Protein backbone atom coordinates (compact mmCIF):
# COMPACT_ATOMS: atom_id res chain seq x y z
CA MET A 1 107.27 159.78 216.85
CA ASN A 2 105.09 156.90 218.02
CA ASN A 3 103.75 159.22 220.72
CA ILE A 4 101.97 161.58 218.26
CA ARG A 5 98.55 161.12 216.66
CA ASN A 6 97.02 163.59 214.21
CA VAL A 7 93.27 163.07 213.92
CA ALA A 8 90.55 165.12 212.20
CA ILE A 9 86.91 164.94 213.24
CA ILE A 10 84.56 165.03 210.25
CA ALA A 11 80.79 164.75 209.91
CA HIS A 12 77.63 166.22 208.46
CA VAL A 13 76.49 169.51 209.99
CA ASP A 14 75.00 169.21 213.51
CA HIS A 15 76.04 165.58 214.05
CA GLY A 16 77.91 166.49 217.24
CA LYS A 17 81.58 167.04 216.29
CA THR A 18 82.23 170.12 218.40
CA THR A 19 80.39 168.73 221.45
CA LEU A 20 82.50 165.56 221.26
CA VAL A 21 85.74 167.54 220.94
CA ASP A 22 84.71 169.49 224.03
CA ALA A 23 84.33 166.22 225.96
CA LEU A 24 87.78 165.05 224.78
CA LEU A 25 89.36 168.33 225.89
CA ARG A 26 87.66 168.46 229.29
CA GLN A 27 88.31 164.82 230.22
CA SER A 28 91.96 164.89 229.18
CA ASN A 29 92.50 167.52 231.90
CA THR A 30 93.92 169.84 229.25
CA ARG A 31 94.53 173.44 230.24
CA LEU A 32 91.61 175.30 228.67
CA GLY A 33 92.20 178.83 229.90
CA SER A 34 90.19 180.88 232.36
CA ARG A 35 87.66 182.08 229.76
CA PHE A 36 86.10 178.61 229.47
CA THR A 37 84.54 178.07 232.86
CA GLN A 38 80.93 177.37 231.95
CA ASP A 39 80.12 173.71 231.40
CA SER A 40 77.43 174.67 228.88
CA GLU A 41 79.75 176.70 226.66
CA LEU A 42 81.19 175.00 223.59
CA ILE A 43 84.95 175.49 223.84
CA MET A 44 85.75 175.11 220.15
CA ASP A 45 82.97 177.35 218.76
CA SER A 46 84.59 180.54 219.98
CA ASN A 47 83.60 182.84 217.11
CA ASP A 48 80.48 185.00 217.66
CA LEU A 49 78.86 183.79 214.43
CA GLU A 50 79.49 180.17 215.42
CA LYS A 51 77.89 180.68 218.82
CA GLU A 52 74.83 182.37 217.30
CA ARG A 53 74.28 179.82 214.53
CA GLY A 54 75.34 176.72 216.43
CA ILE A 55 77.60 175.55 213.60
CA THR A 56 81.35 175.31 213.09
CA ILE A 57 82.57 177.70 210.40
CA PHE A 58 86.35 177.74 210.90
CA SER A 59 88.45 174.63 211.50
CA LYS A 60 90.43 174.71 214.73
CA ASN A 61 93.38 172.88 216.23
CA ALA A 62 93.66 171.56 219.76
CA SER A 63 96.17 169.28 221.40
CA VAL A 64 95.70 166.92 224.33
CA ASN A 65 98.01 164.53 226.15
CA TRP A 66 96.60 161.09 226.87
CA ASN A 67 98.81 158.63 228.76
CA GLY A 68 101.99 160.12 227.32
CA THR A 69 100.73 160.40 223.72
CA LYS A 70 100.19 163.81 222.16
CA ILE A 71 96.91 163.82 220.20
CA ASN A 72 96.44 166.72 217.79
CA ILE A 73 92.69 167.13 217.21
CA ILE A 74 91.31 169.11 214.27
CA ASP A 75 87.64 170.13 214.49
CA THR A 76 86.17 170.75 211.02
CA PRO A 77 83.01 172.44 209.70
CA GLY A 78 80.10 170.18 208.79
CA HIS A 79 78.24 172.44 206.36
CA ALA A 80 78.93 171.74 202.68
CA ASP A 81 79.63 175.42 201.96
CA PHE A 82 82.75 175.20 204.12
CA GLY A 83 84.09 172.07 202.45
CA GLY A 84 87.23 174.00 201.47
CA GLU A 85 88.17 174.09 205.16
CA VAL A 86 87.69 170.31 205.44
CA GLU A 87 89.73 169.49 202.34
CA ARG A 88 92.82 171.37 203.45
CA VAL A 89 92.87 170.33 207.13
CA LEU A 90 92.61 166.65 206.19
CA LYS A 91 96.13 167.11 204.80
CA MET A 92 97.34 167.53 208.38
CA ALA A 93 95.77 164.30 209.67
CA ASP A 94 96.76 160.63 209.56
CA GLY A 95 93.29 159.39 210.44
CA VAL A 96 89.76 160.60 211.03
CA LEU A 97 86.84 160.15 213.37
CA LEU A 98 83.74 160.00 211.17
CA LEU A 99 80.77 161.04 213.31
CA ILE A 100 77.31 159.85 212.24
CA ASP A 101 74.08 160.73 214.03
CA ALA A 102 72.46 157.63 215.56
CA LYS A 103 69.07 158.72 214.25
CA GLU A 104 69.75 160.43 210.91
CA GLY A 105 72.49 158.18 209.56
CA PRO A 106 74.79 159.22 206.69
CA MET A 107 73.78 162.55 205.14
CA PRO A 108 74.98 164.47 202.03
CA GLN A 109 77.99 166.05 203.73
CA THR A 110 78.93 162.69 205.28
CA ARG A 111 79.47 161.41 201.73
CA PHE A 112 81.61 164.44 200.81
CA VAL A 113 83.95 164.31 203.82
CA LEU A 114 84.25 160.51 203.72
CA LYS A 115 85.12 160.61 200.02
CA LYS A 116 87.95 163.07 200.75
CA ALA A 117 89.24 160.96 203.64
CA LEU A 118 89.26 157.80 201.50
CA GLU A 119 91.10 159.60 198.69
CA MET A 120 93.86 160.48 201.18
CA LYS A 121 94.02 156.83 202.41
CA HIS A 122 93.26 157.87 206.00
CA LYS A 123 92.40 155.30 208.65
CA ILE A 124 88.75 155.82 209.63
CA ILE A 125 87.04 155.21 212.98
CA VAL A 126 83.24 155.49 212.78
CA VAL A 127 81.69 157.13 215.83
CA ILE A 128 77.91 156.67 216.14
CA SER A 129 77.03 159.84 218.06
CA LYS A 130 74.00 160.99 220.04
CA VAL A 131 73.11 157.45 221.18
CA ASP A 132 71.23 159.08 224.06
CA LYS A 133 68.43 160.12 221.65
CA PRO A 134 65.16 158.26 222.26
CA ASP A 135 64.54 157.35 218.59
CA THR A 136 67.93 156.04 217.47
CA ARG A 137 68.27 153.58 214.55
CA ILE A 138 71.62 151.95 215.30
CA ASP A 139 71.41 148.94 212.94
CA TYR A 140 70.02 151.07 210.10
CA VAL A 141 72.78 153.67 210.55
CA ILE A 142 75.60 151.10 210.60
CA ASN A 143 74.24 149.30 207.51
CA LYS A 144 73.85 152.60 205.61
CA THR A 145 77.38 153.61 206.63
CA PHE A 146 78.79 150.28 205.40
CA ASP A 147 76.92 150.73 202.10
CA LEU A 148 78.37 154.23 201.77
CA PHE A 149 81.94 152.94 202.27
CA LEU A 150 81.43 150.34 199.51
CA GLU A 151 79.75 152.89 197.23
CA LEU A 152 82.76 155.22 197.55
CA GLY A 153 85.18 152.43 196.64
CA ALA A 154 86.67 151.61 200.05
CA ASP A 155 88.87 148.49 200.16
CA GLU A 156 87.94 145.52 202.34
CA GLU A 157 90.12 146.52 205.28
CA THR A 158 88.74 150.08 205.34
CA ALA A 159 85.12 149.00 204.86
CA TYR A 160 85.20 146.88 208.03
CA PHE A 161 85.66 149.96 210.15
CA PRO A 162 86.04 150.01 213.95
CA THR A 163 82.93 151.45 215.60
CA ILE A 164 82.60 153.50 218.79
CA TYR A 165 79.29 154.69 220.27
CA SER A 166 79.16 158.03 222.04
CA SER A 167 77.12 160.80 223.60
CA GLY A 168 79.07 164.03 223.44
CA LYS A 169 76.50 165.80 225.60
CA HIS A 170 77.11 163.33 228.45
CA GLY A 171 80.83 163.04 227.70
CA LYS A 172 80.68 159.24 227.36
CA ALA A 173 81.73 156.61 224.84
CA GLY A 174 81.75 152.81 224.63
CA LEU A 175 81.92 149.73 222.45
CA GLU A 176 78.17 149.13 222.85
CA PRO A 177 75.27 151.52 222.14
CA ASP A 178 74.10 151.45 225.77
CA LEU A 179 74.57 154.72 227.62
CA SER A 180 74.19 153.01 231.03
CA LYS A 181 77.31 150.92 230.36
CA MET A 182 79.46 153.95 229.50
CA ASP A 183 81.58 155.66 232.13
CA ASP A 184 83.59 158.34 230.33
CA ILE A 185 85.16 159.25 226.96
CA SER A 186 88.28 157.09 227.43
CA PRO A 187 87.19 154.29 224.99
CA LEU A 188 87.45 156.86 222.21
CA PHE A 189 90.98 157.83 223.29
CA ARG A 190 91.96 154.15 223.36
CA ALA A 191 90.52 153.65 219.86
CA ILE A 192 92.55 156.61 218.55
CA LEU A 193 95.78 155.14 219.95
CA GLU A 194 94.95 151.66 218.64
CA TYR A 195 93.67 152.42 215.13
CA ILE A 196 95.07 155.81 214.05
CA PRO A 197 98.65 155.31 212.86
CA ALA A 198 101.53 157.42 214.08
CA PRO A 199 102.91 159.86 211.46
CA ASP A 200 105.00 158.20 208.74
CA ILE A 201 107.94 160.56 208.70
CA ASP A 202 111.64 160.85 207.98
CA ILE A 203 113.50 163.25 210.24
CA GLU A 204 116.70 162.95 208.17
CA LYS A 205 115.17 164.37 204.99
CA PRO A 206 115.28 168.14 204.24
CA LEU A 207 112.62 170.24 205.98
CA GLN A 208 109.13 170.39 204.41
CA VAL A 209 106.13 172.10 206.04
CA LEU A 210 102.73 172.37 204.32
CA ILE A 211 100.81 175.49 205.37
CA THR A 212 97.08 174.86 205.84
CA SER A 213 95.80 178.06 207.51
CA THR A 214 96.90 181.62 208.24
CA ILE A 215 95.76 184.31 210.65
CA TYR A 216 97.00 187.81 211.45
CA ASP A 217 98.32 188.80 214.87
CA ASN A 218 98.92 192.44 215.88
CA PHE A 219 102.24 191.55 217.52
CA LYS A 220 103.62 188.63 215.50
CA GLY A 221 102.21 189.57 212.07
CA ARG A 222 101.03 186.69 209.91
CA ILE A 223 100.92 183.36 211.75
CA ALA A 224 100.88 180.26 209.53
CA THR A 225 99.76 176.85 210.80
CA GLY A 226 100.84 173.63 209.13
CA ARG A 227 102.27 170.16 209.48
CA ILE A 228 105.93 169.20 209.33
CA TYR A 229 106.24 166.37 206.80
CA CYS A 230 110.03 165.96 206.83
CA GLY A 231 112.94 167.18 208.91
CA TYR A 232 112.72 169.42 211.95
CA LEU A 233 112.35 173.08 212.88
CA LYS A 234 114.11 175.23 215.48
CA ALA A 235 113.05 178.61 216.77
CA GLY A 236 114.85 181.47 214.98
CA GLN A 237 116.25 179.32 212.17
CA GLU A 238 116.40 180.37 208.52
CA VAL A 239 113.85 178.75 206.19
CA ALA A 240 112.86 178.93 202.52
CA HIS A 241 109.35 179.98 201.50
CA ILE A 242 108.20 178.43 198.20
CA ASN A 243 105.07 180.16 196.88
CA ARG A 244 102.48 178.88 194.39
CA GLU A 245 104.53 180.11 191.41
CA GLY A 246 107.61 178.25 192.65
CA ILE A 247 109.49 181.43 193.65
CA ILE A 248 111.83 180.80 196.60
CA LYS A 249 112.63 183.44 199.23
CA LYS A 250 114.55 183.03 202.48
CA PHE A 251 113.33 184.27 205.86
CA LYS A 252 114.24 183.92 209.52
CA LEU A 253 111.53 182.64 211.84
CA THR A 254 110.53 185.15 214.49
CA SER A 255 108.40 182.67 216.40
CA LEU A 256 107.83 178.90 216.54
CA MET A 257 104.75 177.64 218.37
CA GLY A 258 103.12 174.34 219.23
CA PHE A 259 99.64 173.63 220.56
CA GLU A 260 98.72 172.92 224.16
CA GLY A 261 94.99 172.56 224.63
CA LEU A 262 93.54 175.43 222.63
CA ASP A 263 96.52 177.73 223.04
CA ARG A 264 99.59 178.35 220.91
CA VAL A 265 102.70 178.13 223.10
CA GLU A 266 106.27 179.09 222.23
CA ILE A 267 108.54 176.06 221.68
CA LEU A 268 112.25 175.70 220.90
CA GLU A 269 111.99 172.96 218.27
CA ALA A 270 109.56 170.60 216.53
CA THR A 271 110.05 167.48 214.47
CA ALA A 272 108.31 165.82 211.53
CA GLY A 273 104.79 164.60 212.20
CA ASP A 274 103.82 167.46 214.50
CA ILE A 275 101.45 170.39 213.81
CA ILE A 276 103.00 173.79 214.45
CA ALA A 277 102.47 177.52 213.94
CA LEU A 278 105.18 179.94 212.86
CA SER A 279 105.66 183.62 212.10
CA GLY A 280 108.24 185.74 210.30
CA ILE A 281 107.16 185.01 206.71
CA PRO A 282 104.98 187.97 205.65
CA ASP A 283 103.52 186.67 202.37
CA VAL A 284 102.93 182.98 203.10
CA THR A 285 99.46 181.72 202.13
CA ILE A 286 97.51 178.47 202.37
CA GLY A 287 98.85 175.54 200.38
CA GLU A 288 102.47 176.76 200.15
CA THR A 289 105.63 175.09 201.46
CA ILE A 290 108.22 176.08 204.06
CA ALA A 291 111.42 174.22 203.19
CA ASP A 292 115.10 173.75 203.98
CA PRO A 293 117.01 176.86 202.79
CA THR A 294 119.91 174.78 201.44
CA ASN A 295 117.76 172.17 199.68
CA PRO A 296 114.27 173.64 199.10
CA LYS A 297 111.77 171.12 197.73
CA PRO A 298 108.06 172.04 197.41
CA LEU A 299 105.19 169.83 198.49
CA PRO A 300 102.21 169.50 196.11
CA VAL A 301 100.08 172.66 196.27
CA LEU A 302 96.66 172.11 197.84
CA ASP A 303 94.06 171.48 195.15
CA ILE A 304 90.58 172.55 196.24
CA GLU A 305 87.36 171.82 194.35
CA ASN A 306 86.09 174.75 192.31
CA SER A 307 83.59 177.25 193.65
CA THR A 308 80.05 177.07 192.25
CA VAL A 309 78.47 180.43 193.19
CA ARG A 310 79.50 184.04 192.56
CA ILE A 311 78.19 187.37 193.82
CA ASN A 312 79.01 191.00 192.96
CA PHE A 313 80.27 193.36 195.67
CA GLY A 314 80.14 197.11 195.06
CA VAL A 315 80.27 200.46 196.81
CA ASN A 316 76.95 201.45 198.38
CA THR A 317 75.19 203.88 196.00
CA SER A 318 71.87 204.31 197.81
CA PRO A 319 70.63 207.72 199.08
CA PHE A 320 71.67 206.59 202.60
CA ALA A 321 75.23 205.75 201.51
CA GLY A 322 78.03 206.59 203.93
CA GLN A 323 75.78 207.24 206.93
CA GLU A 324 76.18 203.98 208.86
CA GLY A 325 79.49 202.34 207.93
CA GLU A 326 83.05 203.02 209.00
CA PHE A 327 84.68 201.48 205.90
CA LYS A 328 82.82 202.31 202.70
CA THR A 329 85.28 203.18 199.91
CA ALA A 330 86.06 200.87 197.00
CA ARG A 331 89.70 200.59 198.13
CA GLN A 332 88.77 199.55 201.68
CA ILE A 333 86.25 196.95 200.50
CA LYS A 334 88.68 195.55 197.94
CA GLU A 335 91.52 195.23 200.46
CA ARG A 336 89.30 193.43 202.96
CA LEU A 337 87.96 190.96 200.38
CA TYR A 338 91.46 190.10 199.12
CA LYS A 339 92.54 189.60 202.74
CA ALA A 340 89.59 187.22 203.26
CA ALA A 341 90.61 185.25 200.15
CA GLU A 342 94.09 184.71 201.61
CA THR A 343 92.70 182.80 204.60
CA ASP A 344 89.92 180.91 202.76
CA VAL A 345 91.08 178.72 199.90
CA ALA A 346 87.51 178.22 198.61
CA LEU A 347 87.04 181.99 198.19
CA LYS A 348 88.23 183.87 195.09
CA VAL A 349 88.09 187.60 194.34
CA GLU A 350 88.51 189.28 190.95
CA ASP A 351 87.83 192.68 189.43
CA ASP A 352 84.80 193.17 187.19
CA ALA A 353 84.74 195.48 184.16
CA SER A 354 81.91 197.46 185.81
CA GLY A 355 84.15 198.42 188.73
CA ASP A 356 82.57 195.94 191.12
CA LEU A 357 84.33 192.92 192.62
CA ILE A 358 83.24 189.36 191.76
CA VAL A 359 83.54 187.03 194.74
CA THR A 360 83.14 183.28 194.18
CA GLY A 361 82.45 180.73 196.89
CA ARG A 362 81.07 177.28 197.66
CA GLY A 363 77.45 178.30 198.22
CA GLU A 364 74.99 180.88 199.50
CA LEU A 365 75.84 180.30 203.17
CA HIS A 366 79.57 180.54 202.49
CA LEU A 367 79.10 183.97 200.90
CA ALA A 368 76.49 185.09 203.46
CA ILE A 369 78.89 184.37 206.33
CA LEU A 370 81.57 186.45 204.58
CA ILE A 371 79.12 189.35 204.13
CA GLU A 372 78.03 189.13 207.77
CA ARG A 373 81.65 189.17 208.98
CA LEU A 374 82.40 192.29 206.95
CA ARG A 375 79.22 193.96 208.16
CA ARG A 376 80.15 193.36 211.81
CA GLU A 377 83.59 194.81 211.20
CA GLY A 378 82.04 198.13 210.13
CA TYR A 379 81.98 197.75 206.33
CA GLU A 380 79.23 199.22 204.18
CA PHE A 381 78.60 197.95 200.63
CA GLN A 382 75.98 196.45 198.32
CA VAL A 383 75.71 192.98 196.78
CA GLY A 384 73.78 191.56 193.85
CA LYS A 385 71.90 188.32 193.37
CA PRO A 386 74.05 185.17 193.67
CA GLN A 387 74.70 183.51 190.31
CA VAL A 388 75.87 179.98 189.60
CA ILE A 389 79.15 179.48 187.77
CA GLU A 390 78.38 177.55 184.60
CA LYS A 391 80.82 175.77 182.27
CA LEU A 392 80.86 175.29 178.50
CA GLN A 393 81.97 171.80 177.52
CA ASN A 394 81.70 170.17 174.08
CA GLY A 395 79.27 172.89 173.03
CA LYS A 396 76.96 172.19 175.99
CA THR A 397 76.30 174.45 178.97
CA LEU A 398 76.87 172.63 182.24
CA THR A 399 75.49 173.87 185.56
CA PRO A 400 76.19 172.68 189.14
CA PHE A 401 73.74 170.28 190.76
CA GLU A 402 73.22 169.59 194.46
CA LYS A 403 72.02 166.62 196.43
CA VAL A 404 69.36 167.71 198.93
CA ALA A 405 68.33 165.68 202.00
CA ILE A 406 65.04 166.58 203.67
CA GLU A 407 63.47 165.30 206.88
CA VAL A 408 59.86 166.39 207.34
CA PRO A 409 56.68 165.28 209.19
CA GLU A 410 54.57 163.02 206.97
CA GLU A 411 51.56 165.36 206.84
CA LEU A 412 53.72 168.18 205.43
CA SER A 413 55.71 166.16 202.89
CA GLY A 414 53.24 166.78 200.05
CA THR A 415 53.86 170.53 200.06
CA VAL A 416 57.63 169.99 200.02
CA MET A 417 57.46 167.56 197.11
CA GLN A 418 55.19 169.90 195.18
CA ASN A 419 57.48 172.92 195.59
CA MET A 420 60.62 170.90 194.83
CA GLY A 421 58.82 169.60 191.72
CA LEU A 422 58.17 173.18 190.58
CA ARG A 423 61.95 173.66 190.74
CA HIS A 424 62.47 170.56 188.53
CA ALA A 425 64.06 168.53 191.34
CA GLU A 426 64.54 164.82 190.73
CA LEU A 427 63.40 162.55 193.58
CA LEU A 428 66.17 160.01 194.24
CA ASP A 429 64.85 158.22 197.30
CA MET A 430 62.00 158.37 199.80
CA ASN A 431 61.26 156.41 202.97
CA THR A 432 59.06 156.85 206.03
CA GLU A 433 59.71 155.97 209.67
CA ASN A 434 57.69 156.97 212.74
CA ASN A 435 55.61 159.46 210.70
CA ILE A 436 58.79 161.19 209.49
CA VAL A 437 59.47 161.22 205.74
CA TYR A 438 63.08 161.21 204.49
CA LEU A 439 63.40 162.66 200.98
CA PHE A 440 66.50 162.85 198.77
CA PHE A 441 66.52 165.08 195.68
CA LEU A 442 68.91 166.10 192.92
CA ILE A 443 68.40 169.71 191.84
CA ALA A 444 70.20 172.41 189.86
CA THR A 445 71.86 174.89 192.23
CA LYS A 446 70.33 177.88 190.45
CA GLU A 447 66.83 176.46 190.92
CA PHE A 448 67.52 175.65 194.57
CA PHE A 449 68.33 179.31 195.33
CA GLY A 450 65.76 180.81 197.64
CA TYR A 451 64.07 177.61 198.72
CA ARG A 452 65.50 177.36 202.25
CA SER A 453 63.38 180.23 203.61
CA GLN A 454 60.29 178.89 201.81
CA PHE A 455 61.04 175.45 203.28
CA ILE A 456 60.70 176.83 206.81
CA THR A 457 57.22 178.10 205.90
CA ASP A 458 56.28 174.86 204.09
CA THR A 459 57.22 172.73 207.12
CA LYS A 460 56.12 175.19 209.85
CA GLY A 461 59.66 175.12 211.18
CA LEU A 462 59.58 171.36 211.79
CA GLY A 463 61.64 170.24 208.79
CA ILE A 464 65.39 169.70 208.40
CA ILE A 465 67.08 170.42 205.07
CA SER A 466 70.70 170.09 203.98
CA SER A 467 72.50 170.01 200.67
CA SER A 468 75.93 169.45 199.16
CA TYR A 469 77.48 169.96 195.73
CA HIS A 470 77.15 166.84 193.56
CA GLU A 471 78.47 167.47 190.03
CA TYR A 472 78.25 169.59 186.89
CA ARG A 473 75.74 168.32 184.35
CA GLU A 474 73.72 169.61 181.40
CA ASP A 475 70.73 171.69 182.46
CA LEU A 476 67.60 171.26 180.37
CA ASP A 477 64.96 172.90 182.53
CA GLY A 478 66.06 176.56 182.62
CA LYS A 479 65.76 178.39 185.92
CA PHE A 480 63.15 178.98 188.56
CA GLU A 481 61.70 182.49 188.48
CA ARG A 482 60.36 184.28 191.54
CA ALA A 483 56.56 184.32 191.39
CA GLN A 484 56.04 187.53 193.37
CA GLY A 485 56.91 191.08 192.49
CA SER A 486 58.11 193.70 194.98
CA LEU A 487 56.44 196.56 196.83
CA VAL A 488 58.66 199.59 196.19
CA ALA A 489 58.74 202.84 198.16
CA HIS A 490 57.35 205.75 196.13
CA GLN A 491 59.27 208.53 197.91
CA ARG A 492 61.87 209.23 200.56
CA GLY A 493 60.67 209.79 204.11
CA ILE A 494 59.58 208.16 207.37
CA THR A 495 57.07 205.30 207.16
CA LYS A 496 53.66 206.02 208.71
CA LEU A 497 51.35 203.49 210.32
CA TYR A 498 48.33 204.86 208.43
CA ALA A 499 50.02 204.21 205.06
CA LEU A 500 51.39 200.80 206.08
CA VAL A 501 47.97 199.54 207.19
CA GLY A 502 46.65 200.33 203.72
CA ALA A 503 49.69 198.80 202.00
CA GLN A 504 49.71 195.47 203.86
CA ASN A 505 46.74 194.25 201.80
CA ARG A 506 49.04 194.24 198.75
CA GLY A 507 51.40 191.60 200.15
CA THR A 508 53.99 191.03 202.89
CA LEU A 509 55.73 194.10 204.32
CA PHE A 510 59.40 194.18 205.34
CA VAL A 511 59.26 197.49 207.26
CA GLY A 512 57.31 198.86 210.21
CA PRO A 513 56.27 202.41 211.14
CA GLY A 514 58.84 205.09 211.92
CA MET A 515 61.56 203.73 209.62
CA SER A 516 63.54 205.82 207.11
CA VAL A 517 63.04 204.70 203.49
CA TYR A 518 64.04 206.11 200.11
CA LYS A 519 62.54 206.04 196.66
CA GLY A 520 63.29 202.71 195.00
CA GLN A 521 63.72 200.79 198.28
CA VAL A 522 61.91 197.44 198.37
CA ILE A 523 59.62 197.57 201.39
CA GLY A 524 57.71 194.33 200.83
CA SER A 525 56.77 191.40 198.62
CA ASN A 526 53.78 191.79 196.31
CA SER A 527 51.17 189.03 196.31
CA ARG A 528 51.10 189.32 192.50
CA GLY A 529 53.84 188.95 189.92
CA ASP A 530 54.61 192.59 189.11
CA ASP A 531 56.27 195.41 191.07
CA ILE A 532 54.07 198.12 192.62
CA SER A 533 55.18 201.57 193.72
CA ILE A 534 53.56 202.50 197.07
CA ASN A 535 53.64 205.63 199.18
CA VAL A 536 54.25 204.35 202.72
CA CYS A 537 55.10 207.82 204.06
CA LYS A 538 51.59 209.21 203.57
CA GLU A 539 49.94 210.67 206.66
CA LYS A 540 46.22 210.72 207.40
CA GLN A 541 44.67 214.05 206.61
CA GLN A 542 43.43 215.91 209.67
CA THR A 543 39.75 216.99 209.83
CA ASN A 544 37.56 218.60 212.50
CA HIS A 545 35.22 215.58 212.48
CA ARG A 546 35.87 212.53 214.60
CA SER A 547 34.07 209.26 215.27
CA SER A 548 34.43 207.58 218.66
CA GLY A 549 35.34 204.21 217.08
CA GLU A 550 37.56 205.55 214.33
CA GLY A 551 40.78 203.63 213.77
CA THR A 552 40.16 200.96 216.42
CA SER A 553 39.23 198.24 213.91
CA LYS A 554 42.40 198.61 211.82
CA HIS A 555 45.14 196.10 212.62
CA PHE A 556 48.76 196.25 211.46
CA ASP A 557 50.44 192.89 211.01
CA THR A 558 53.99 192.42 212.27
CA PRO A 559 56.33 192.97 209.29
CA LYS A 560 58.64 190.22 208.10
CA ILE A 561 62.16 191.19 209.18
CA MET A 562 64.51 190.18 206.39
CA SER A 563 67.75 188.62 207.60
CA LEU A 564 70.83 188.78 205.42
CA GLU A 565 70.27 185.27 204.04
CA ASN A 566 66.58 185.97 203.44
CA ALA A 567 67.39 189.18 201.57
CA ILE A 568 70.01 187.49 199.36
CA GLU A 569 67.59 184.64 198.59
CA TYR A 570 64.72 187.04 197.85
CA ILE A 571 66.22 189.49 195.33
CA ASP A 572 66.06 189.06 191.56
CA GLU A 573 68.36 190.41 188.83
CA SER A 574 66.85 193.91 189.08
CA GLU A 575 67.55 194.29 192.80
CA LEU A 576 70.46 194.70 195.23
CA VAL A 577 70.99 194.17 198.95
CA GLU A 578 72.38 197.20 200.79
CA VAL A 579 74.52 196.00 203.70
CA THR A 580 75.58 198.29 206.57
CA PRO A 581 76.58 197.61 210.19
CA LYS A 582 73.12 198.78 211.29
CA ASN A 583 70.71 197.74 208.53
CA ILE A 584 69.97 195.26 205.75
CA ARG A 585 67.92 196.92 202.98
CA ILE A 586 66.68 195.65 199.63
CA ARG A 587 66.58 198.15 196.76
CA LYS A 588 66.05 198.37 193.04
CA MET A 589 69.18 198.80 190.93
CA ASN A 590 67.52 201.70 189.12
CA LEU A 591 66.00 203.85 191.86
CA SER A 592 64.20 206.22 189.50
CA ASN A 593 61.87 203.66 187.87
């Protein structure tokens, strides 16, 4: 088993994990499949949402062969909302590559993923990525990384980490931060073989496999991926499935697969230390154990940090209900959400007394990605405003807090600090380099809701913001209330340009001319604090008098198109977001008011 290495790649969002994995795959001459022919296409980000957003959402396995050693590589998400994915896949690894941007240094999610890796006693190789950037801060980044290791309680051996410098975009790595002295990615492969230990296994012990992910296949049924901790597996053998309640059932494997490049390939047997996929067990879920049928012993069930945000899902009840979605009944929505919870350990679904479903997740983006996936699959439903999950402890109400890292041009930092101050954020640290201000805040999650879209406006699109869950603590400041009211459609009909031109003076419109609206639909944001009912379907009355210049001086501003995230951030407790495959609409809960 000395010829196997299991390594996870972890980092803050957008620090270059997936680009580096692509370089490892391409330069190992691994069979990638005919669909990956473009050099510019990221191999690992194969999901449509990942391609559009440029982030990794789902962890993925790949396997390469380097000089006779099989290296199982696990690419993980970098965004804090998908930390549940990171926590469970680290169980499959024996070591990690911790990527840190050569300019930004350690960020909030870097702390989270490093903390998890240290808790599991993994060997850590630090990879300083993107050294090809013109404004890198190599010494600063290494010193901050060392400080972070000490702060998280790393022992002396772990704190003096091996360091590799890389540029995933150029497919190069080296022991020095000089791109001109790098030839290829092979120094990183050599570091993996030298520093990442081979699996510590016992092939003589009874079989134990920990399941870390599941997917559904039309031909094989449910396919479960996991790592063999003890013993060995053979294709077609009988195994015992031990679920979370400890109930043991016996099944016969219908398929046993290993990984070659990005593909699952049928294999005859696998031994402890390897990562495999299997089918034939219909009810297996993440965190459960596949064991020896004659001596079944469970592994510890995966323990994932609690979710912090919840949102209500319900059947669409708007006047346009049922016109645009393929799946719109309560039963169909409920089945799909429970199916999603089976493959995402950080997602939980429960029934509400009102008939809706309460879905809890790790953050706004986590839930927004789920909603977008359902929407693209043809589902139609409505969701309420996200709410934080608070706890009662020793008679005190505790609420989740987040650490927020902001990078913004110096001339725009005052606006950011002012608006974060209005949300009762605590400034933890601030420093300036090359006219760029780096700000670190601690803020209650419920007061942070809705700021990301405002941040884009505050920084004119030039700022970078990221956050991660910090801890539960007592909240003394209350919550941040939306300052603006809504512009609400007065009647059902088709919007008219004449009416919209008159309405745009009231605030910011979300709709343009020629769009179908209904009474109670939110068609804009009021510049004042109260809601206003507006008739945007009114036509100009025809007369037999006409002026040659009439109408030429009236200008209609481009409406603000509300994305799914924007809509979820915008609504208050009296509003809902109507989600269909074709449209995102905001509406009042009570349409008649």
